[in-house]
PDB file of N, CA and C in Angstrom:
ATOM      1  N   UNK A   1     -33.912 -14.098  24.610  1.00  0.00           N
ATOM      2  CA  UNK A   1     -32.645 -14.148  24.467  1.00  0.00           C
ATOM      3  C   UNK A   1     -32.354 -15.338  23.523  1.00  0.00           C
ATOM      4  N   UNK A   2     -33.349 -16.322  23.468  1.00  0.00           N
ATOM      5  CA  UNK A   2     -32.910 -17.336  22.493  1.00  0.00           C
ATOM      6  C   UNK A   2     -33.602 -16.521  20.996  1.00  0.00           C
ATOM      7  N   UNK A   3     -33.910 -16.303  20.723  1.00  0.00           N
ATOM      8  CA  UNK A   3     -34.502 -15.381  19.855  1.00  0.00           C
ATOM      9  C   UNK A   3     -33.356 -14.489  19.093  1.00  0.00           C
ATOM     10  N   UNK A   4     -33.126 -13.224  20.156  1.00  0.00           N
ATOM     11  CA  UNK A   4     -31.856 -12.753  20.189  1.00  0.00           C
ATOM     12  C   UNK A   4     -30.350 -13.289  19.874  1.00  0.00           C
ATOM     13  N   UNK A   5     -29.930 -14.423  19.857  1.00  0.00           N
ATOM     14  CA  UNK A   5     -28.889 -15.089  19.710  1.00  0.00           C
ATOM     15  C   UNK A   5     -29.260 -15.780  18.014  1.00  0.00           C
ATOM     16  N   UNK A   6     -30.463 -16.300  17.709  1.00  0.00           N
ATOM     17  CA  UNK A   6     -30.509 -16.997  16.956  1.00  0.00           C
ATOM     18  C   UNK A   6     -30.643 -15.393  15.492  1.00  0.00           C
ATOM     19  N   UNK A   7     -31.186 -14.300  15.724  1.00  0.00           N
ATOM     20  CA  UNK A   7     -31.043 -13.505  15.312  1.00  0.00           C
ATOM     21  C   UNK A   7     -29.684 -12.870  14.580  1.00  0.00           C
ATOM     22  N   UNK A   8     -29.123 -12.868  15.909  1.00  0.00           N
ATOM     23  CA  UNK A   8     -27.305 -12.164  15.336  1.00  0.00           C
ATOM     24  C   UNK A   8     -26.642 -13.116  14.876  1.00  0.00           C
ATOM     25  N   UNK A   9     -26.919 -14.352  15.068  1.00  0.00           N
ATOM     26  CA  UNK A   9     -25.933 -15.661  14.718  1.00  0.00           C
ATOM     27  C   UNK A   9     -26.713 -16.150  12.893  1.00  0.00           C
ATOM     28  N   UNK A  10     -27.996 -15.362  13.061  1.00  0.00           N
ATOM     29  CA  UNK A  10     -28.325 -15.511  11.208  1.00  0.00           C
ATOM     30  C   UNK A  10     -27.404 -14.253  10.613  1.00  0.00           C
ATOM     31  N   UNK A  11     -27.577 -13.200  11.489  1.00  0.00           N
ATOM     32  CA  UNK A  11     -26.717 -12.253  10.458  1.00  0.00           C
ATOM     33  C   UNK A  11     -25.456 -12.360  10.210  1.00  0.00           C
ATOM     34  N   UNK A  12     -24.753 -12.964  11.502  1.00  0.00           N
ATOM     35  CA  UNK A  12     -23.500 -13.445  11.394  1.00  0.00           C
ATOM     36  C   UNK A  12     -22.911 -14.100  10.371  1.00  0.00           C
ATOM     37  N   UNK A  13     -23.788 -15.504   9.882  1.00  0.00           N
ATOM     38  CA  UNK A  13     -23.827 -16.430   8.750  1.00  0.00           C
ATOM     39  C   UNK A  13     -23.634 -15.281   7.434  1.00  0.00           C
ATOM     40  N   UNK A  14     -24.906 -14.349   7.570  1.00  0.00           N
ATOM     41  CA  UNK A  14     -25.084 -13.786   5.955  1.00  0.00           C
ATOM     42  C   UNK A  14     -23.941 -12.910   5.563  1.00  0.00           C
ATOM     43  N   UNK A  15     -23.415 -12.287   6.666  1.00  0.00           N
ATOM     44  CA  UNK A  15     -22.490 -11.443   6.671  1.00  0.00           C
ATOM     45  C   UNK A  15     -21.115 -11.889   5.789  1.00  0.00           C
ATOM     46  N   UNK A  16     -20.816 -13.373   6.723  1.00  0.00           N
ATOM     47  CA  UNK A  16     -19.799 -14.515   6.306  1.00  0.00           C
ATOM     48  C   UNK A  16     -20.037 -14.767   5.016  1.00  0.00           C
ATOM     49  N   UNK A  17     -21.496 -15.223   4.197  1.00  0.00           N
ATOM     50  CA  UNK A  17     -21.744 -15.478   2.953  1.00  0.00           C
ATOM     51  C   UNK A  17     -21.619 -14.730   2.011  1.00  0.00           C
ATOM     52  N   UNK A  18     -21.494 -13.522   2.508  1.00  0.00           N
ATOM     53  CA  UNK A  18     -21.545 -12.488   1.524  1.00  0.00           C
ATOM     54  C   UNK A  18     -19.681 -11.835   1.218  1.00  0.00           C
ATOM     55  N   UNK A  19     -19.464 -11.936   2.148  1.00  0.00           N
ATOM     56  CA  UNK A  19     -18.017 -11.833   2.613  1.00  0.00           C
ATOM     57  C   UNK A  19     -17.281 -12.664   1.636  1.00  0.00           C
ATOM     58  N   UNK A  20     -17.553 -13.919   2.023  1.00  0.00           N
ATOM     59  CA  UNK A  20     -16.497 -15.162   1.224  1.00  0.00           C
ATOM     60  C   UNK A  20     -16.637 -15.263  -0.610  1.00  0.00           C
ATOM     61  N   UNK A  21     -18.060 -14.460  -0.895  1.00  0.00           N
ATOM     62  CA  UNK A  21     -18.543 -14.678  -2.376  1.00  0.00           C
ATOM     63  C   UNK A  21     -17.561 -14.048  -3.270  1.00  0.00           C
ATOM     64  N   UNK A  22     -17.269 -12.950  -2.569  1.00  0.00           N
ATOM     65  CA  UNK A  22     -16.346 -11.994  -3.188  1.00  0.00           C
ATOM     66  C   UNK A  22     -14.971 -11.341  -2.588  1.00  0.00           C
ATOM     67  N   UNK A  23     -14.253 -12.779  -3.145  1.00  0.00           N
ATOM     68  CA  UNK A  23     -13.040 -12.482  -2.537  1.00  0.00           C
ATOM     69  C   UNK A  23     -12.073 -11.519  -3.306  1.00  0.00           C
ATOM     70  N   UNK A  24     -10.799 -11.011  -2.944  1.00  0.00           N
ATOM     71  CA  UNK A  24     -10.324 -10.089  -3.891  1.00  0.00           C
ATOM     72  C   UNK A  24      -9.588 -10.643  -4.868  1.00  0.00           C
ATOM     73  N   UNK A  25      -8.968  -9.941  -6.060  1.00  0.00           N
ATOM     74  CA  UNK A  25      -8.121 -10.385  -7.176  1.00  0.00           C
ATOM     75  C   UNK A  25      -7.144 -10.788  -6.496  1.00  0.00           C
ATOM     76  N   UNK A  26      -6.163 -11.499  -7.979  1.00  0.00           N
ATOM     77  CA  UNK A  26      -5.025 -12.480  -7.200  1.00  0.00           C
ATOM     78  C   UNK A  26      -4.030 -11.362  -7.224  1.00  0.00           C
ATOM     79  N   UNK A  27      -4.329 -10.018  -7.570  1.00  0.00           N
ATOM     80  CA  UNK A  27      -3.269  -9.219  -7.523  1.00  0.00           C
ATOM     81  C   UNK A  27      -3.287  -8.277  -6.263  1.00  0.00           C
ATOM     82  N   UNK A  28      -4.226  -8.508  -5.175  1.00  0.00           N
ATOM     83  CA  UNK A  28      -4.426  -8.055  -4.073  1.00  0.00           C
ATOM     84  C   UNK A  28      -2.912  -8.378  -2.906  1.00  0.00           C
ATOM     85  N   UNK A  29      -1.932  -9.646  -3.500  1.00  0.00           N
ATOM     86  CA  UNK A  29      -1.246  -9.660  -2.652  1.00  0.00           C
ATOM     87  C   UNK A  29       0.194  -8.876  -3.096  1.00  0.00           C
ATOM     88  N   UNK A  30       0.445  -8.838  -4.062  1.00  0.00           N
ATOM     89  CA  UNK A  30       1.874  -7.802  -4.204  1.00  0.00           C
ATOM     90  C   UNK A  30       1.247  -6.308  -4.511  1.00  0.00           C
ATOM     91  N   UNK A  31       0.321  -5.956  -4.525  1.00  0.00           N
ATOM     92  CA  UNK A  31      -0.223  -4.748  -4.261  1.00  0.00           C
ATOM     93  C   UNK A  31       0.204  -4.523  -2.249  1.00  0.00           C
ATOM     94  N   UNK A  32      -0.524  -5.420  -1.636  1.00  0.00           N
ATOM     95  CA  UNK A  32      -0.328  -4.665  -0.527  1.00  0.00           C
ATOM     96  C   UNK A  32       1.429  -5.318  -0.440  1.00  0.00           C
ATOM     97  N   UNK A  33       2.177  -6.070  -0.752  1.00  0.00           N
ATOM     98  CA  UNK A  33       3.387  -6.169  -0.797  1.00  0.00           C
ATOM     99  C   UNK A  33       4.123  -5.276  -0.665  1.00  0.00           C
ATOM    100  N   UNK A  34       3.968  -4.456  -2.177  1.00  0.00           N
ATOM    101  CA  UNK A  34       4.721  -2.918  -2.607  1.00  0.00           C
ATOM    102  C   UNK A  34       4.506  -2.189  -1.433  1.00  0.00           C
ATOM    103  N   UNK A  35       2.940  -2.208  -0.853  1.00  0.00           N
ATOM    104  CA  UNK A  35       2.879  -1.171   0.078  1.00  0.00           C
ATOM    105  C   UNK A  35       4.160  -1.227   1.537  1.00  0.00           C
ATOM    106  N   UNK A  36       3.946  -2.474   1.277  1.00  0.00           N
ATOM    107  CA  UNK A  36       4.927  -3.064   2.966  1.00  0.00           C
ATOM    108  C   UNK A  36       6.236  -2.242   2.606  1.00  0.00           C
ATOM    109  N   UNK A  37       6.859  -2.701   1.518  1.00  0.00           N
ATOM    110  CA  UNK A  37       8.259  -2.459   1.466  1.00  0.00           C
ATOM    111  C   UNK A  37       8.038  -1.030   0.907  1.00  0.00           C
ATOM    112  N   UNK A  38       7.539   0.077   0.542  1.00  0.00           N
ATOM    113  CA  UNK A  38       7.524   1.338   0.169  1.00  0.00           C
ATOM    114  C   UNK A  38       7.382   1.478   1.905  1.00  0.00           C
ATOM    115  N   UNK A  39       6.703   1.162   2.813  1.00  0.00           N
ATOM    116  CA  UNK A  39       6.331   1.803   4.438  1.00  0.00           C
ATOM    117  C   UNK A  39       7.600   1.115   5.042  1.00  0.00           C
ATOM    118  N   UNK A  40       8.666   0.010   4.757  1.00  0.00           N
ATOM    119  CA  UNK A  40       9.549  -0.425   5.374  1.00  0.00           C
ATOM    120  C   UNK A  40      10.726   0.599   4.881  1.00  0.00           C
ATOM    121  N   UNK A  41      10.878   1.041   3.886  1.00  0.00           N
ATOM    122  CA  UNK A  41      11.856   2.261   3.719  1.00  0.00           C
ATOM    123  C   UNK A  41      11.630   3.681   4.114  1.00  0.00           C
ATOM    124  N   UNK A  42      10.612   3.870   4.897  1.00  0.00           N
ATOM    125  CA  UNK A  42      10.204   5.082   5.415  1.00  0.00           C
ATOM    126  C   UNK A  42       9.672   5.852   4.449  1.00  0.00           C
ATOM    127  N   UNK A  43       8.616   5.406   3.669  1.00  0.00           N
ATOM    128  CA  UNK A  43       7.769   6.486   2.215  1.00  0.00           C
ATOM    129  C   UNK A  43       7.224   7.548   2.800  1.00  0.00           C
ATOM    130  N   UNK A  44       6.691   7.237   4.184  1.00  0.00           N
ATOM    131  CA  UNK A  44       5.613   7.853   4.800  1.00  0.00           C
ATOM    132  C   UNK A  44       6.486   9.071   5.355  1.00  0.00           C
ATOM    133  N   UNK A  45       7.933   8.893   5.564  1.00  0.00           N
ATOM    134  CA  UNK A  45       8.580  10.274   5.899  1.00  0.00           C
ATOM    135  C   UNK A  45       9.383  11.248   5.077  1.00  0.00           C
ATOM    136  N   UNK A  46       9.004  10.939   3.710  1.00  0.00           N
ATOM    137  CA  UNK A  46       9.221  11.682   2.705  1.00  0.00           C
ATOM    138  C   UNK A  46       8.180  12.272   2.160  1.00  0.00           C
ATOM    139  N   UNK A  47       7.878  13.330   1.789  1.00  0.00           N
ATOM    140  CA  UNK A  47       6.644  13.858   1.511  1.00  0.00           C
ATOM    141  C   UNK A  47       6.040  13.560  -0.248  1.00  0.00           C
ATOM    142  N   UNK A  48       7.076  13.440  -0.724  1.00  0.00           N
ATOM    143  CA  UNK A  48       6.851  12.989  -2.396  1.00  0.00           C
ATOM    144  C   UNK A  48       6.239  11.813  -2.269  1.00  0.00           C
ATOM    145  N   UNK A  49       6.545  10.705  -1.690  1.00  0.00           N
ATOM    146  CA  UNK A  49       6.335   9.149  -1.705  1.00  0.00           C
ATOM    147  C   UNK A  49       5.243   9.068  -0.227  1.00  0.00           C
ATOM    148  N   UNK A  50       5.062   9.753   0.510  1.00  0.00           N
ATOM    149  CA  UNK A  50       4.290   9.511   1.570  1.00  0.00           C
ATOM    150  C   UNK A  50       2.868   9.712   0.273  1.00  0.00           C
ATOM    151  N   UNK A  51       2.677  10.668  -0.506  1.00  0.00           N
ATOM    152  CA  UNK A  51       1.755  10.988  -1.133  1.00  0.00           C
ATOM    153  C   UNK A  51       1.203   9.763  -2.060  1.00  0.00           C
ATOM    154  N   UNK A  52       2.030   9.119  -3.033  1.00  0.00           N
ATOM    155  CA  UNK A  52       2.375   8.055  -3.734  1.00  0.00           C
ATOM    156  C   UNK A  52       1.602   6.986  -2.799  1.00  0.00           C
ATOM    157  N   UNK A  53       2.299   6.554  -1.633  1.00  0.00           N
ATOM    158  CA  UNK A  53       1.498   5.832  -0.407  1.00  0.00           C
ATOM    159  C   UNK A  53       0.332   5.685   0.000  1.00  0.00           C
ATOM    160  N   UNK A  54      -0.039   6.896   0.101  1.00  0.00           N
ATOM    161  CA  UNK A  54      -1.519   7.369   0.458  1.00  0.00           C
ATOM    162  C   UNK A  54      -2.522   7.030  -0.606  1.00  0.00           C
ATOM    163  N   UNK A  55      -1.750   7.299  -1.808  1.00  0.00           N
ATOM    164  CA  UNK A  55      -2.647   7.377  -3.016  1.00  0.00           C
ATOM    165  C   UNK A  55      -2.700   5.240  -2.988  1.00  0.00           C
ATOM    166  N   UNK A  56      -1.606   4.833  -2.924  1.00  0.00           N
ATOM    167  CA  UNK A  56      -1.761   3.230  -2.943  1.00  0.00           C
ATOM    168  C   UNK A  56      -2.853   2.977  -1.906  1.00  0.00           C
ATOM    169  N   UNK A  57      -3.031   3.131  -0.947  1.00  0.00           N
ATOM    170  CA  UNK A  57      -3.804   2.846   0.045  1.00  0.00           C
ATOM    171  C   UNK A  57      -5.231   2.906   0.080  1.00  0.00           C
ATOM    172  N   UNK A  58      -5.279   4.391  -0.703  1.00  0.00           N
ATOM    173  CA  UNK A  58      -6.939   4.416  -0.902  1.00  0.00           C
ATOM    174  C   UNK A  58      -6.734   3.350  -1.904  1.00  0.00           C
ATOM    175  N   UNK A  59      -6.483   3.519  -3.040  1.00  0.00           N
ATOM    176  CA  UNK A  59      -6.676   2.694  -4.039  1.00  0.00           C
ATOM    177  C   UNK A  59      -6.970   0.946  -4.000  1.00  0.00           C
ATOM    178  N   UNK A  60      -6.067   0.758  -2.689  1.00  0.00           N
ATOM    179  CA  UNK A  60      -6.430  -0.799  -2.060  1.00  0.00           C
ATOM    180  C   UNK A  60      -7.832  -0.826  -1.586  1.00  0.00           C
ATOM    181  N   UNK A  61      -8.068   0.566  -0.364  1.00  0.00           N
ATOM    182  CA  UNK A  61      -9.885   0.466  -0.224  1.00  0.00           C
ATOM    183  C   UNK A  61     -10.577   0.628  -1.055  1.00  0.00           C
ATOM    184  N   UNK A  62     -10.124   1.207  -2.308  1.00  0.00           N
ATOM    185  CA  UNK A  62     -11.453   1.131  -3.696  1.00  0.00           C
ATOM    186  C   UNK A  62     -11.419   0.108  -4.351  1.00  0.00           C
ATOM    187  N   UNK A  63     -10.565  -0.888  -4.431  1.00  0.00           N
ATOM    188  CA  UNK A  63     -10.341  -2.125  -4.972  1.00  0.00           C
ATOM    189  C   UNK A  63     -11.164  -3.049  -3.756  1.00  0.00           C
ATOM    190  N   UNK A  64     -11.181  -3.091  -2.589  1.00  0.00           N
ATOM    191  CA  UNK A  64     -11.571  -3.833  -1.353  1.00  0.00           C
ATOM    192  C   UNK A  64     -13.204  -3.424  -1.875  1.00  0.00           C
ATOM    193  N   UNK A  65     -13.618  -2.200  -1.710  1.00  0.00           N
ATOM    194  CA  UNK A  65     -15.065  -1.960  -2.156  1.00  0.00           C
ATOM    195  C   UNK A  65     -15.472  -2.790  -3.326  1.00  0.00           C
ATOM    196  N   UNK A  66     -14.697  -2.307  -4.418  1.00  0.00           N
ATOM    197  CA  UNK A  66     -15.473  -2.701  -6.264  1.00  0.00           C
ATOM    198  C   UNK A  66     -15.338  -4.093  -5.706  1.00  0.00           C
ATOM    199  N   UNK A  67     -14.638  -5.134  -5.404  1.00  0.00           N
ATOM    200  CA  UNK A  67     -14.760  -6.571  -5.284  1.00  0.00           C
ATOM    201  C   UNK A  67     -15.577  -7.124  -4.492  1.00  0.00           C
ATOM    202  N   UNK A  68     -15.978  -6.106  -3.402  1.00  0.00           N
ATOM    203  CA  UNK A  68     -17.477  -7.264  -2.391  1.00  0.00           C
ATOM    204  C   UNK A  68     -18.457  -6.513  -3.213  1.00  0.00           C
ATOM    205  N   UNK A  69     -18.498  -5.770  -4.590  1.00  0.00           N
ATOM    206  CA  UNK A  69     -19.510  -5.604  -4.914  1.00  0.00           C
ATOM    207  C   UNK A  69     -19.458  -6.533  -6.552  1.00  0.00           C
ATOM    208  N   UNK A  70     -18.530  -7.222  -6.480  1.00  0.00           N
ATOM    209  CA  UNK A  70     -18.622  -7.920  -7.983  1.00  0.00           C
ATOM    210  C   UNK A  70     -18.038  -7.690  -9.114  1.00  0.00           C
ATOM    211  N   UNK A  71     -17.457  -6.590  -8.809  1.00  0.00           N
ATOM    212  CA  UNK A  71     -16.480  -5.779 -10.169  1.00  0.00           C
ATOM    213  C   UNK A  71     -15.340  -5.812  -9.884  1.00  0.00           C
ATOM    214  N   UNK A  72     -15.227  -7.612 -10.081  1.00  0.00           N
ATOM    215  CA  UNK A  72     -13.623  -8.153 -10.505  1.00  0.00           C
ATOM    216  C   UNK A  72     -12.380  -7.388 -11.445  1.00  0.00           C
ATOM    217  N   UNK A  73     -12.862  -6.927 -12.534  1.00  0.00           N
ATOM    218  CA  UNK A  73     -12.053  -6.477 -13.391  1.00  0.00           C
ATOM    219  C   UNK A  73     -11.837  -5.093 -13.034  1.00  0.00           C
ATOM    220  N   UNK A  74     -12.512  -4.278 -12.562  1.00  0.00           N
ATOM    221  CA  UNK A  74     -12.350  -2.827 -12.114  1.00  0.00           C
ATOM    222  C   UNK A  74     -11.314  -2.988 -10.500  1.00  0.00           C
ATOM    223  N   UNK A  75     -11.442  -4.243  -9.731  1.00  0.00           N
ATOM    224  CA  UNK A  75     -10.671  -4.237  -8.336  1.00  0.00           C
ATOM    225  C   UNK A  75      -9.342  -4.119  -9.033  1.00  0.00           C
ATOM    226  N   UNK A  76      -8.893  -5.143 -10.038  1.00  0.00           N
ATOM    227  CA  UNK A  76      -7.696  -5.833 -10.788  1.00  0.00           C
ATOM    228  C   UNK A  76      -6.969  -4.675 -11.074  1.00  0.00           C
ATOM    229  N   UNK A  77      -7.701  -3.795 -11.870  1.00  0.00           N
ATOM    230  CA  UNK A  77      -7.372  -2.743 -12.452  1.00  0.00           C
ATOM    231  C   UNK A  77      -6.807  -1.688 -11.252  1.00  0.00           C
ATOM    232  N   UNK A  78      -7.664  -1.284 -10.269  1.00  0.00           N
ATOM    233  CA  UNK A  78      -7.269  -0.504  -9.560  1.00  0.00           C
ATOM    234  C   UNK A  78      -6.422  -1.071  -8.600  1.00  0.00           C
ATOM    235  N   UNK A  79      -6.478  -2.291  -8.259  1.00  0.00           N
ATOM    236  CA  UNK A  79      -4.917  -3.000  -7.678  1.00  0.00           C
ATOM    237  C   UNK A  79      -3.405  -2.537  -8.605  1.00  0.00           C
ATOM    238  N   UNK A  80      -3.736  -2.778  -9.536  1.00  0.00           N
ATOM    239  CA  UNK A  80      -2.534  -2.142 -10.346  1.00  0.00           C
ATOM    240  C   UNK A  80      -2.112  -1.086  -9.720  1.00  0.00           C
ATOM    241  N   UNK A  81      -3.267  -0.091 -10.367  1.00  0.00           N
ATOM    242  CA  UNK A  81      -2.513   1.188  -9.621  1.00  0.00           C
ATOM    243  C   UNK A  81      -2.169   1.526  -8.731  1.00  0.00           C
ATOM    244  N   UNK A  82      -2.871   0.729  -7.324  1.00  0.00           N
ATOM    245  CA  UNK A  82      -2.228   0.466  -6.050  1.00  0.00           C
ATOM    246  C   UNK A  82      -0.592   0.390  -5.969  1.00  0.00           C
ATOM    247  N   UNK A  83      -0.478  -0.943  -6.815  1.00  0.00           N
ATOM    248  CA  UNK A  83       0.849  -1.460  -7.022  1.00  0.00           C
ATOM    249  C   UNK A  83       1.453  -0.445  -7.468  1.00  0.00           C
ATOM    250  N   UNK A  84       1.311   0.160  -8.401  1.00  0.00           N
ATOM    251  CA  UNK A  84       2.305   0.913  -9.318  1.00  0.00           C
ATOM    252  C   UNK A  84       2.259   2.148  -8.377  1.00  0.00           C
ATOM    253  N   UNK A  85       1.644   2.739  -7.700  1.00  0.00           N
ATOM    254  CA  UNK A  85       2.103   3.989  -6.875  1.00  0.00           C
ATOM    255  C   UNK A  85       2.805   3.718  -5.413  1.00  0.00           C
ATOM    256  N   UNK A  86       2.684   2.293  -5.024  1.00  0.00           N
ATOM    257  CA  UNK A  86       3.378   1.824  -3.976  1.00  0.00           C
ATOM    258  C   UNK A  86       4.792   1.683  -4.499  1.00  0.00           C
ATOM    259  N   UNK A  87       4.970   1.535  -5.693  1.00  0.00           N
ATOM    260  CA  UNK A  87       6.356   0.670  -6.357  1.00  0.00           C
ATOM    261  C   UNK A  87       6.834   2.562  -6.371  1.00  0.00           C
ATOM    262  N   UNK A  88       6.119   3.550  -6.825  1.00  0.00           N
ATOM    263  CA  UNK A  88       6.876   4.705  -6.820  1.00  0.00           C
ATOM    264  C   UNK A  88       7.101   5.524  -5.596  1.00  0.00           C
ATOM    265  N   UNK A  89       6.699   5.156  -4.924  1.00  0.00           N
ATOM    266  CA  UNK A  89       6.872   5.627  -3.543  1.00  0.00           C
ATOM    267  C   UNK A  89       7.927   5.411  -2.779  1.00  0.00           C
ATOM    268  N   UNK A  90       8.226   3.917  -3.080  1.00  0.00           N
ATOM    269  CA  UNK A  90       9.650   2.972  -2.823  1.00  0.00           C
ATOM    270  C   UNK A  90      10.748   3.787  -3.587  1.00  0.00           C
ATOM    271  N   UNK A  91      10.225   3.959  -4.919  1.00  0.00           N
ATOM    272  CA  UNK A  91      11.462   4.562  -5.856  1.00  0.00           C
ATOM    273  C   UNK A  91      12.050   6.001  -5.122  1.00  0.00           C
ATOM    274  N   UNK A  92      10.949   6.725  -4.735  1.00  0.00           N
ATOM    275  CA  UNK A  92      11.007   7.741  -4.387  1.00  0.00           C
ATOM    276  C   UNK A  92      12.250   8.004  -2.981  1.00  0.00           C
ATOM    277  N   UNK A  93      11.689   7.333  -2.264  1.00  0.00           N
ATOM    278  CA  UNK A  93      11.942   7.279  -1.175  1.00  0.00           C
ATOM    279  C   UNK A  93      13.900   6.699  -1.125  1.00  0.00           C
ATOM    280  N   UNK A  94      14.063   5.873  -1.953  1.00  0.00           N
ATOM    281  CA  UNK A  94      15.123   5.244  -2.616  1.00  0.00           C
ATOM    282  C   UNK A  94      16.161   6.341  -3.122  1.00  0.00           C
ATOM    283  N   UNK A  95      15.377   6.862  -3.712  1.00  0.00           N
ATOM    284  CA  UNK A  95      15.899   8.319  -4.833  1.00  0.00           C
ATOM    285  C   UNK A  95      16.435   9.067  -3.706  1.00  0.00           C
ATOM    286  N   UNK A  96      15.847   9.706  -2.631  1.00  0.00           N
ATOM    287  CA  UNK A  96      15.768  10.564  -1.915  1.00  0.00           C
ATOM    288  C   UNK A  96      17.130  10.386  -0.781  1.00  0.00           C
ATOM    289  N   UNK A  97      16.760   9.257  -0.072  1.00  0.00           N
ATOM    290  CA  UNK A  97      18.228   8.335  -0.081  1.00  0.00           C
ATOM    291  C   UNK A  97      19.318   8.452  -0.211  1.00  0.00           C
ATOM    292  N   UNK A  98      19.472   8.499  -1.444  1.00  0.00           N
ATOM    293  CA  UNK A  98      20.775   8.087  -2.380  1.00  0.00           C
ATOM    294  C   UNK A  98      21.183   9.255  -2.657  1.00  0.00           C
ATOM    295  N   UNK A  99      20.450  10.211  -2.843  1.00  0.00           N
ATOM    296  CA  UNK A  99      20.955  11.822  -2.727  1.00  0.00           C
ATOM    297  C   UNK A  99      21.309  12.008  -1.577  1.00  0.00           C
ATOM    298  N   UNK A 100      20.731  11.739  -0.364  1.00  0.00           N
ATOM    299  CA  UNK A 100      21.497  12.248   0.922  1.00  0.00           C
ATOM    300  C   UNK A 100      23.003  11.810   0.815  1.00  0.00           C
ATOM    301  N   UNK A 101      22.924  10.466   0.760  1.00  0.00           N
ATOM    302  CA  UNK A 101      24.121   9.532   1.090  1.00  0.00           C
ATOM    303  C   UNK A 101      25.085  10.194   0.286  1.00  0.00           C
ATOM    304  N   UNK A 102      24.617  10.736  -1.089  1.00  0.00           N
ATOM    305  CA  UNK A 102      25.920  11.393  -2.210  1.00  0.00           C
ATOM    306  C   UNK A 102      26.304  12.276  -1.381  1.00  0.00           C
ATOM    307  N   UNK A 103      25.206  13.290  -0.993  1.00  0.00           N
ATOM    308  CA  UNK A 103      25.858  14.484  -0.866  1.00  0.00           C
ATOM    309  C   UNK A 103      26.650  14.464   0.594  1.00  0.00           C
ATOM    310  N   UNK A 104      26.497  13.795   1.404  1.00  0.00           N
ATOM    311  CA  UNK A 104      27.545  13.381   2.735  1.00  0.00           C
ATOM    312  C   UNK A 104      28.531  12.698   2.376  1.00  0.00           C
ATOM    313  N   UNK A 105      28.353  11.892   1.532  1.00  0.00           N
ATOM    314  CA  UNK A 105      30.076  11.376   1.263  1.00  0.00           C
ATOM    315  C   UNK A 105      30.879  12.951  -0.005  1.00  0.00           C
ATOM    316  N   UNK A 106      30.034  13.649  -0.888  1.00  0.00           N
ATOM    317  CA  UNK A 106      30.830  14.452  -1.272  1.00  0.00           C
ATOM    318  C   UNK A 106      31.599  15.364  -0.290  1.00  0.00           C
ATOM    319  N   UNK A 107      30.390  15.726   0.674  1.00  0.00           N
ATOM    320  CA  UNK A 107      30.633  16.974   2.034  1.00  0.00           C
ATOM    321  C   UNK A 107      32.004  16.157   2.755  1.00  0.00           C
ATOM    322  N   UNK A 108      32.103  15.099   2.715  1.00  0.00           N
ATOM    323  CA  UNK A 108      33.258  14.000   3.738  1.00  0.00           C
ATOM    324  C   UNK A 108      34.775  14.399   2.655  1.00  0.00           C
ATOM    325  N   UNK A 109      34.062  13.656   1.300  1.00  0.00           N
ATOM    326  CA  UNK A 109      35.509  14.235   0.252  1.00  0.00           C
ATOM    327  C   UNK A 109      35.960  15.266   0.409  1.00  0.00           C
ATOM    328  N   UNK A 110      35.190  16.411   0.365  1.00  0.00           N
ATOM    329  CA  UNK A 110      35.697  17.909   0.381  1.00  0.00           C
ATOM    330  C   UNK A 110      36.211  18.241   2.045  1.00  0.00           C
ATOM    331  N   UNK A 111      36.012  17.835   2.701  1.00  0.00           N
ATOM    332  CA  UNK A 111      36.430  17.960   4.023  1.00  0.00           C
ATOM    333  C   UNK A 111      38.092  17.134   4.181  1.00  0.00           C
ATOM    334  N   UNK A 112      37.844  16.349   3.689  1.00  0.00           N
ATOM    335  CA  UNK A 112      39.230  15.461   3.356  1.00  0.00           C
ATOM    336  C   UNK A 112      40.176  16.367   2.544  1.00  0.00           C
ATOM    337  N   UNK A 113      39.405  16.827   1.658  1.00  0.00           N
ATOM    338  CA  UNK A 113      40.607  17.317   0.556  1.00  0.00           C
ATOM    339  C   UNK A 113      41.354  18.761   1.439  1.00  0.00           C
ATOM    340  N   UNK A 114      40.146  19.368   2.238  1.00  0.00           N
ATOM    341  CA  UNK A 114      40.720  20.879   2.791  1.00  0.00           C
ATOM    342  C   UNK A 114      41.903  20.403   3.572  1.00  0.00           C
ATOM    343  N   UNK A 115      41.502  19.171   4.221  1.00  0.00           N
ATOM    344  CA  UNK A 115      42.311  19.247   5.364  1.00  0.00           C
ATOM    345  C   UNK A 115      43.530  18.568   4.749  1.00  0.00           C
ATOM    346  N   UNK A 116      44.045  18.502   3.922  1.00  0.00           N
ATOM    347  CA  UNK A 116      45.431  17.928   3.220  1.00  0.00           C
ATOM    348  C   UNK A 116      46.213  19.088   2.592  1.00  0.00           C
TER     349      UNK A 116
END
């Protein structure tokens, strides 16, 4: 039992050592924040926006893989793409929401005009 504990302990230490030697680039947080913002406005519920949100999430996963392999520059570029896709998802969602609100307001005005 002691040998198994030792082996598992060494394995865990090796895993921690490997994972800490390759940290994510500085632009990881902005990419994650952009994804969170797009998620918060409901981008996953709008098909065009959901596609860009998925692309952003996929790019973050790819950047994590690149960073773990020591490919810092490629990871940075991939995170920029992720941030851009997430921001696009956010903008698409806001545009769709604004169009719906404008259409609702237009119908309300038309209804008021007919009643006068």
